[in-house]
Amino acid sequence: MVLGFAIGTSATAVAWLSDEIAGVFAAIGIMLFFTVLFSWAGHLPGAVMLHYALVRGKGGWAVAMAGGLAIGVALSALIGSVLAALLGPFLALAHLAALRWMASLFRPRGDRIAPSGCGAPQ
C-alpha cells in the first residue's frame, strides 16, 4: 500500500519529463494501492465460508470452488470486471489448502478425523 502511494505520487515528479511515463506511474501506483484493499473483500468472506464448511465436514474442493465463484461474481458486479469471477474459484482452492494445512498443524498427534457419514461416533 505504501509502495503504491509512493509510486503514484512520484508520477507528479516525472510529469515534466513525459505525460506517458507519469500516466504509467500513476496507474501502477493506483493498482498497488487498491490491491491491498480489495484482496480482503474476497479473502475474508471466503475464509468464513470455508471455515464453516470445514467445521461441518463439507469442506471439499467443489464447495470451495462454488463459494469462490459466488464471491467472485459478487465482486465482479461491484468492480465491473470479470477477473474476480474467473480467479475466484482457483483462489478459493488455494485458500482451502492453506486452511487445511493450518488445521493439520494444530491437530493433536494421533487424532484422526473420520469422514462424515461413515458411521463413526462423533
N, C-alpha and C. Protein backbone atom coordinates (compact mmCIF):
# COMPACT_ATOMS: atom_id res chain seq x y z
N MET A 1 0.83 -1.17 0.00
CA MET A 1 0.00 0.00 0.00
C MET A 1 0.88 1.25 0.00
N VAL A 2 1.92 1.23 0.83
CA VAL A 2 2.82 2.37 0.89
C VAL A 2 3.59 2.49 -0.42
N LEU A 3 4.00 1.34 -0.97
CA LEU A 3 4.71 1.38 -2.25
C LEU A 3 3.82 1.95 -3.35
N GLY A 4 2.57 1.56 -3.36
CA GLY A 4 1.64 2.11 -4.35
C GLY A 4 1.46 3.61 -4.20
N PHE A 5 1.38 4.08 -2.95
CA PHE A 5 1.25 5.52 -2.72
C PHE A 5 2.51 6.25 -3.18
N ALA A 6 3.69 5.66 -2.90
CA ALA A 6 4.95 6.30 -3.29
C ALA A 6 5.09 6.37 -4.81
N ILE A 7 4.74 5.28 -5.49
CA ILE A 7 4.84 5.28 -6.96
C ILE A 7 3.81 6.23 -7.55
N GLY A 8 2.61 6.24 -7.00
CA GLY A 8 1.57 7.14 -7.51
C GLY A 8 1.93 8.60 -7.35
N THR A 9 2.51 8.97 -6.21
CA THR A 9 2.89 10.37 -6.01
C THR A 9 4.14 10.74 -6.81
N SER A 10 4.98 9.74 -7.12
CA SER A 10 6.15 10.05 -7.95
C SER A 10 5.76 10.37 -9.38
N ALA A 11 4.53 10.04 -9.75
CA ALA A 11 4.05 10.37 -11.09
C ALA A 11 4.04 11.87 -11.31
N THR A 12 3.74 12.63 -10.26
CA THR A 12 3.75 14.10 -10.41
C THR A 12 5.17 14.62 -10.56
N ALA A 13 6.15 13.90 -9.98
CA ALA A 13 7.54 14.34 -10.10
C ALA A 13 8.09 14.13 -11.50
N VAL A 14 7.62 13.08 -12.19
CA VAL A 14 8.14 12.81 -13.53
C VAL A 14 7.22 13.35 -14.62
N ALA A 15 6.17 14.04 -14.24
CA ALA A 15 5.23 14.56 -15.24
C ALA A 15 5.88 15.58 -16.16
N TRP A 16 6.87 16.31 -15.67
CA TRP A 16 7.55 17.29 -16.52
C TRP A 16 8.39 16.61 -17.59
N LEU A 17 8.80 15.33 -17.34
CA LEU A 17 9.56 14.58 -18.33
C LEU A 17 8.67 14.10 -19.47
N SER A 18 7.61 13.40 -19.07
CA SER A 18 6.73 12.81 -20.07
C SER A 18 5.37 12.52 -19.45
N ASP A 19 4.33 12.88 -20.17
CA ASP A 19 2.98 12.59 -19.69
C ASP A 19 2.70 11.08 -19.72
N GLU A 20 3.28 10.38 -20.69
CA GLU A 20 3.05 8.94 -20.79
C GLU A 20 3.67 8.20 -19.61
N ILE A 21 4.88 8.58 -19.24
CA ILE A 21 5.55 7.94 -18.10
C ILE A 21 4.79 8.24 -16.81
N ALA A 22 4.33 9.47 -16.67
CA ALA A 22 3.56 9.85 -15.49
C ALA A 22 2.26 9.05 -15.42
N GLY A 23 1.63 8.82 -16.57
CA GLY A 23 0.40 8.02 -16.59
C GLY A 23 0.64 6.58 -16.18
N VAL A 24 1.77 6.01 -16.63
CA VAL A 24 2.11 4.63 -16.26
C VAL A 24 2.39 4.55 -14.76
N PHE A 25 3.16 5.51 -14.24
CA PHE A 25 3.44 5.53 -12.80
C PHE A 25 2.16 5.66 -11.99
N ALA A 26 1.26 6.52 -12.42
CA ALA A 26 0.01 6.71 -11.70
C ALA A 26 -0.84 5.44 -11.73
N ALA A 27 -0.91 4.78 -12.88
CA ALA A 27 -1.71 3.55 -12.99
C ALA A 27 -1.14 2.44 -12.11
N ILE A 28 0.17 2.27 -12.12
CA ILE A 28 0.79 1.24 -11.28
C ILE A 28 0.60 1.58 -9.81
N GLY A 29 0.74 2.83 -9.45
CA GLY A 29 0.55 3.24 -8.07
C GLY A 29 -0.86 3.01 -7.58
N ILE A 30 -1.84 3.35 -8.40
CA ILE A 30 -3.24 3.13 -8.02
C ILE A 30 -3.53 1.64 -7.88
N MET A 31 -3.01 0.83 -8.79
CA MET A 31 -3.24 -0.60 -8.73
C MET A 31 -2.64 -1.20 -7.46
N LEU A 32 -1.39 -0.84 -7.14
CA LEU A 32 -0.76 -1.37 -5.94
C LEU A 32 -1.44 -0.87 -4.66
N PHE A 33 -1.91 0.36 -4.69
CA PHE A 33 -2.57 0.93 -3.51
C PHE A 33 -3.88 0.22 -3.22
N PHE A 34 -4.69 -0.02 -4.25
CA PHE A 34 -6.01 -0.60 -4.04
C PHE A 34 -6.03 -2.12 -4.02
N THR A 35 -4.97 -2.78 -4.46
CA THR A 35 -4.92 -4.23 -4.41
C THR A 35 -5.03 -4.73 -2.98
N VAL A 36 -4.37 -4.06 -2.07
CA VAL A 36 -4.42 -4.45 -0.66
C VAL A 36 -5.84 -4.32 -0.13
N LEU A 37 -6.53 -3.29 -0.52
CA LEU A 37 -7.89 -3.08 -0.03
C LEU A 37 -8.87 -4.10 -0.59
N PHE A 38 -8.77 -4.41 -1.87
CA PHE A 38 -9.74 -5.30 -2.49
C PHE A 38 -9.44 -6.77 -2.28
N SER A 39 -8.21 -7.14 -1.95
CA SER A 39 -7.93 -8.55 -1.72
C SER A 39 -8.68 -9.06 -0.50
N TRP A 40 -8.87 -8.22 0.52
CA TRP A 40 -9.62 -8.63 1.70
C TRP A 40 -11.10 -8.78 1.41
N ALA A 41 -11.58 -8.13 0.39
CA ALA A 41 -13.00 -8.24 0.04
C ALA A 41 -13.36 -9.65 -0.38
N GLY A 42 -12.42 -10.40 -0.92
CA GLY A 42 -12.68 -11.78 -1.29
C GLY A 42 -12.19 -12.78 -0.26
N HIS A 43 -11.04 -12.49 0.36
CA HIS A 43 -10.46 -13.46 1.29
C HIS A 43 -11.23 -13.57 2.60
N LEU A 44 -11.73 -12.49 3.11
CA LEU A 44 -12.44 -12.55 4.39
C LEU A 44 -13.74 -13.35 4.30
N PRO A 45 -14.64 -13.06 3.35
CA PRO A 45 -15.82 -13.91 3.25
C PRO A 45 -15.48 -15.35 2.85
N GLY A 46 -14.43 -15.51 2.06
CA GLY A 46 -14.02 -16.85 1.66
C GLY A 46 -13.52 -17.67 2.85
N ALA A 47 -12.77 -17.04 3.73
CA ALA A 47 -12.27 -17.74 4.92
C ALA A 47 -13.42 -18.14 5.84
N VAL A 48 -14.39 -17.26 6.00
CA VAL A 48 -15.54 -17.58 6.86
C VAL A 48 -16.34 -18.73 6.26
N MET A 49 -16.58 -18.67 4.94
CA MET A 49 -17.36 -19.71 4.27
C MET A 49 -16.63 -21.06 4.33
N LEU A 50 -15.32 -21.05 4.08
CA LEU A 50 -14.57 -22.30 4.10
C LEU A 50 -14.45 -22.86 5.51
N HIS A 51 -14.27 -22.00 6.49
CA HIS A 51 -14.21 -22.48 7.88
C HIS A 51 -15.53 -23.13 8.27
N TYR A 52 -16.62 -22.49 7.92
CA TYR A 52 -17.95 -23.04 8.22
C TYR A 52 -18.12 -24.42 7.57
N ALA A 53 -17.69 -24.55 6.32
CA ALA A 53 -17.82 -25.83 5.62
C ALA A 53 -16.89 -26.89 6.22
N LEU A 54 -15.66 -26.51 6.57
CA LEU A 54 -14.72 -27.47 7.13
C LEU A 54 -15.17 -27.98 8.50
N VAL A 55 -15.72 -27.09 9.32
CA VAL A 55 -16.18 -27.49 10.64
C VAL A 55 -17.31 -28.51 10.53
N ARG A 56 -18.15 -28.39 9.52
CA ARG A 56 -19.27 -29.31 9.35
C ARG A 56 -18.92 -30.51 8.48
N GLY A 57 -17.66 -30.65 8.10
CA GLY A 57 -17.24 -31.80 7.32
C GLY A 57 -17.60 -31.73 5.85
N LYS A 58 -17.91 -30.58 5.34
CA LYS A 58 -18.32 -30.42 3.94
C LYS A 58 -17.30 -29.59 3.14
N GLY A 59 -16.08 -29.48 3.63
CA GLY A 59 -15.10 -28.59 3.01
C GLY A 59 -14.30 -29.23 1.90
N GLY A 60 -14.94 -29.66 0.86
CA GLY A 60 -14.25 -30.26 -0.29
C GLY A 60 -13.91 -29.23 -1.35
N TRP A 61 -13.27 -29.71 -2.41
CA TRP A 61 -12.85 -28.79 -3.46
C TRP A 61 -14.03 -28.20 -4.20
N ALA A 62 -15.12 -28.94 -4.38
CA ALA A 62 -16.27 -28.42 -5.11
C ALA A 62 -16.97 -27.31 -4.33
N VAL A 63 -17.07 -27.48 -3.02
CA VAL A 63 -17.67 -26.44 -2.18
C VAL A 63 -16.80 -25.18 -2.21
N ALA A 64 -15.48 -25.37 -2.15
CA ALA A 64 -14.57 -24.22 -2.20
C ALA A 64 -14.68 -23.48 -3.53
N MET A 65 -14.71 -24.23 -4.63
CA MET A 65 -14.80 -23.58 -5.93
C MET A 65 -16.14 -22.88 -6.13
N ALA A 66 -17.22 -23.50 -5.65
CA ALA A 66 -18.55 -22.86 -5.77
C ALA A 66 -18.60 -21.58 -4.94
N GLY A 67 -18.05 -21.62 -3.74
CA GLY A 67 -18.02 -20.41 -2.91
C GLY A 67 -17.15 -19.33 -3.52
N GLY A 68 -16.00 -19.73 -4.06
CA GLY A 68 -15.12 -18.76 -4.72
C GLY A 68 -15.78 -18.14 -5.94
N LEU A 69 -16.52 -18.95 -6.68
CA LEU A 69 -17.24 -18.43 -7.84
C LEU A 69 -18.32 -17.44 -7.41
N ALA A 70 -19.06 -17.78 -6.36
CA ALA A 70 -20.13 -16.89 -5.88
C ALA A 70 -19.56 -15.56 -5.40
N ILE A 71 -18.48 -15.62 -4.63
CA ILE A 71 -17.85 -14.38 -4.15
C ILE A 71 -17.25 -13.62 -5.32
N GLY A 72 -16.65 -14.32 -6.27
CA GLY A 72 -16.07 -13.66 -7.45
C GLY A 72 -17.12 -12.97 -8.30
N VAL A 73 -18.28 -13.60 -8.47
CA VAL A 73 -19.36 -12.98 -9.25
C VAL A 73 -19.88 -11.73 -8.54
N ALA A 74 -20.01 -11.82 -7.22
CA ALA A 74 -20.47 -10.65 -6.45
C ALA A 74 -19.48 -9.50 -6.55
N LEU A 75 -18.18 -9.82 -6.45
CA LEU A 75 -17.17 -8.77 -6.56
C LEU A 75 -17.06 -8.24 -7.99
N SER A 76 -17.28 -9.10 -8.98
CA SER A 76 -17.24 -8.66 -10.37
C SER A 76 -18.32 -7.62 -10.64
N ALA A 77 -19.48 -7.82 -10.03
CA ALA A 77 -20.55 -6.84 -10.21
C ALA A 77 -20.18 -5.51 -9.56
N LEU A 78 -19.42 -5.57 -8.46
CA LEU A 78 -19.03 -4.32 -7.78
C LEU A 78 -17.93 -3.57 -8.52
N ILE A 79 -16.93 -4.31 -9.04
CA ILE A 79 -15.80 -3.63 -9.66
C ILE A 79 -15.94 -3.50 -11.17
N GLY A 80 -16.91 -4.18 -11.76
CA GLY A 80 -17.15 -4.03 -13.20
C GLY A 80 -16.18 -4.80 -14.07
N SER A 81 -15.60 -5.87 -13.56
CA SER A 81 -14.67 -6.68 -14.34
C SER A 81 -14.95 -8.15 -14.03
N VAL A 82 -14.73 -9.01 -15.02
CA VAL A 82 -14.99 -10.44 -14.81
C VAL A 82 -13.78 -11.15 -14.24
N LEU A 83 -12.70 -10.45 -13.99
CA LEU A 83 -11.47 -11.07 -13.49
C LEU A 83 -11.69 -11.75 -12.14
N ALA A 84 -12.46 -11.14 -11.25
CA ALA A 84 -12.71 -11.74 -9.94
C ALA A 84 -13.50 -13.04 -10.09
N ALA A 85 -14.44 -13.08 -11.00
CA ALA A 85 -15.23 -14.30 -11.21
C ALA A 85 -14.37 -15.41 -11.82
N LEU A 86 -13.41 -15.07 -12.65
CA LEU A 86 -12.54 -16.06 -13.26
C LEU A 86 -11.51 -16.62 -12.28
N LEU A 87 -10.96 -15.75 -11.43
CA LEU A 87 -9.93 -16.18 -10.50
C LEU A 87 -10.47 -16.68 -9.17
N GLY A 88 -11.69 -16.33 -8.82
CA GLY A 88 -12.27 -16.67 -7.53
C GLY A 88 -12.22 -18.15 -7.18
N PRO A 89 -12.68 -19.05 -8.07
CA PRO A 89 -12.64 -20.48 -7.73
C PRO A 89 -11.24 -21.01 -7.47
N PHE A 90 -10.26 -20.56 -8.23
CA PHE A 90 -8.90 -21.06 -8.07
C PHE A 90 -8.24 -20.49 -6.81
N LEU A 91 -8.53 -19.24 -6.50
CA LEU A 91 -8.03 -18.67 -5.25
C LEU A 91 -8.68 -19.34 -4.05
N ALA A 92 -9.93 -19.74 -4.19
CA ALA A 92 -10.61 -20.44 -3.10
C ALA A 92 -9.97 -21.81 -2.85
N LEU A 93 -9.52 -22.48 -3.90
CA LEU A 93 -8.82 -23.76 -3.71
C LEU A 93 -7.51 -23.56 -2.96
N ALA A 94 -6.78 -22.51 -3.29
CA ALA A 94 -5.55 -22.21 -2.56
C ALA A 94 -5.85 -21.88 -1.10
N HIS A 95 -6.94 -21.16 -0.89
CA HIS A 95 -7.36 -20.82 0.47
C HIS A 95 -7.74 -22.09 1.24
N LEU A 96 -8.45 -23.00 0.60
CA LEU A 96 -8.82 -24.26 1.23
C LEU A 96 -7.59 -25.07 1.62
N ALA A 97 -6.63 -25.14 0.72
CA ALA A 97 -5.39 -25.88 1.02
C ALA A 97 -4.66 -25.25 2.21
N ALA A 98 -4.63 -23.93 2.27
CA ALA A 98 -3.97 -23.25 3.38
C ALA A 98 -4.70 -23.50 4.69
N LEU A 99 -6.02 -23.45 4.67
CA LEU A 99 -6.78 -23.70 5.90
C LEU A 99 -6.62 -25.14 6.37
N ARG A 100 -6.61 -26.09 5.45
CA ARG A 100 -6.41 -27.49 5.83
C ARG A 100 -5.01 -27.71 6.40
N TRP A 101 -4.01 -27.06 5.80
CA TRP A 101 -2.65 -27.19 6.29
C TRP A 101 -2.54 -26.59 7.70
N MET A 102 -3.15 -25.42 7.92
CA MET A 102 -3.10 -24.81 9.25
C MET A 102 -3.83 -25.67 10.27
N ALA A 103 -4.94 -26.27 9.88
CA ALA A 103 -5.68 -27.15 10.79
C ALA A 103 -4.85 -28.38 11.14
N SER A 104 -4.07 -28.88 10.20
CA SER A 104 -3.24 -30.06 10.49
C SER A 104 -2.11 -29.73 11.46
N LEU A 105 -1.69 -28.49 11.51
CA LEU A 105 -0.63 -28.10 12.43
C LEU A 105 -1.11 -28.12 13.88
N PHE A 106 -2.37 -27.81 14.09
CA PHE A 106 -2.90 -27.70 15.44
C PHE A 106 -3.66 -28.93 15.91
N ARG A 107 -3.70 -29.98 15.09
CA ARG A 107 -4.38 -31.21 15.47
C ARG A 107 -3.43 -32.02 16.36
N PRO A 108 -3.92 -32.52 17.51
CA PRO A 108 -3.06 -33.33 18.38
C PRO A 108 -2.60 -34.60 17.67
N ARG A 109 -1.43 -35.09 18.06
CA ARG A 109 -0.91 -36.32 17.46
C ARG A 109 -1.84 -37.49 17.71
N GLY A 110 -2.04 -38.29 16.71
CA GLY A 110 -2.89 -39.47 16.84
C GLY A 110 -4.37 -39.18 16.69
N ASP A 111 -4.73 -37.92 16.63
CA ASP A 111 -6.14 -37.56 16.46
C ASP A 111 -6.46 -37.62 14.98
N ARG A 112 -7.35 -38.50 14.61
CA ARG A 112 -7.72 -38.66 13.20
C ARG A 112 -9.17 -38.26 13.05
N ILE A 113 -9.44 -37.44 12.08
CA ILE A 113 -10.82 -37.02 11.83
C ILE A 113 -11.44 -38.01 10.87
N ALA A 114 -12.52 -38.65 11.32
CA ALA A 114 -13.21 -39.63 10.49
C ALA A 114 -14.06 -38.90 9.46
N PRO A 115 -14.15 -39.43 8.24
CA PRO A 115 -15.01 -38.83 7.23
C PRO A 115 -16.47 -38.83 7.70
N SER A 116 -17.19 -37.79 7.39
CA SER A 116 -18.58 -37.72 7.83
C SER A 116 -19.43 -38.74 7.06
N GLY A 117 -20.39 -39.31 7.76
CA GLY A 117 -21.32 -40.22 7.11
C GLY A 117 -20.84 -41.66 7.07
N CYS A 118 -19.73 -42.00 7.74
CA CYS A 118 -19.26 -43.39 7.68
C CYS A 118 -19.62 -44.17 8.93
N GLY A 119 -20.45 -43.59 9.80
CA GLY A 119 -20.91 -44.30 10.97
C GLY A 119 -19.97 -44.20 12.15
N ALA A 120 -18.95 -43.39 12.06
CA ALA A 120 -18.03 -43.23 13.18
C ALA A 120 -18.69 -42.39 14.27
N PRO A 121 -18.44 -42.73 15.53
CA PRO A 121 -19.04 -41.93 16.61
C PRO A 121 -18.50 -40.51 16.59
N GLN A 122 -19.35 -39.57 16.86
CA GLN A 122 -18.96 -38.15 16.81
C GLN A 122 -18.86 -37.60 18.19
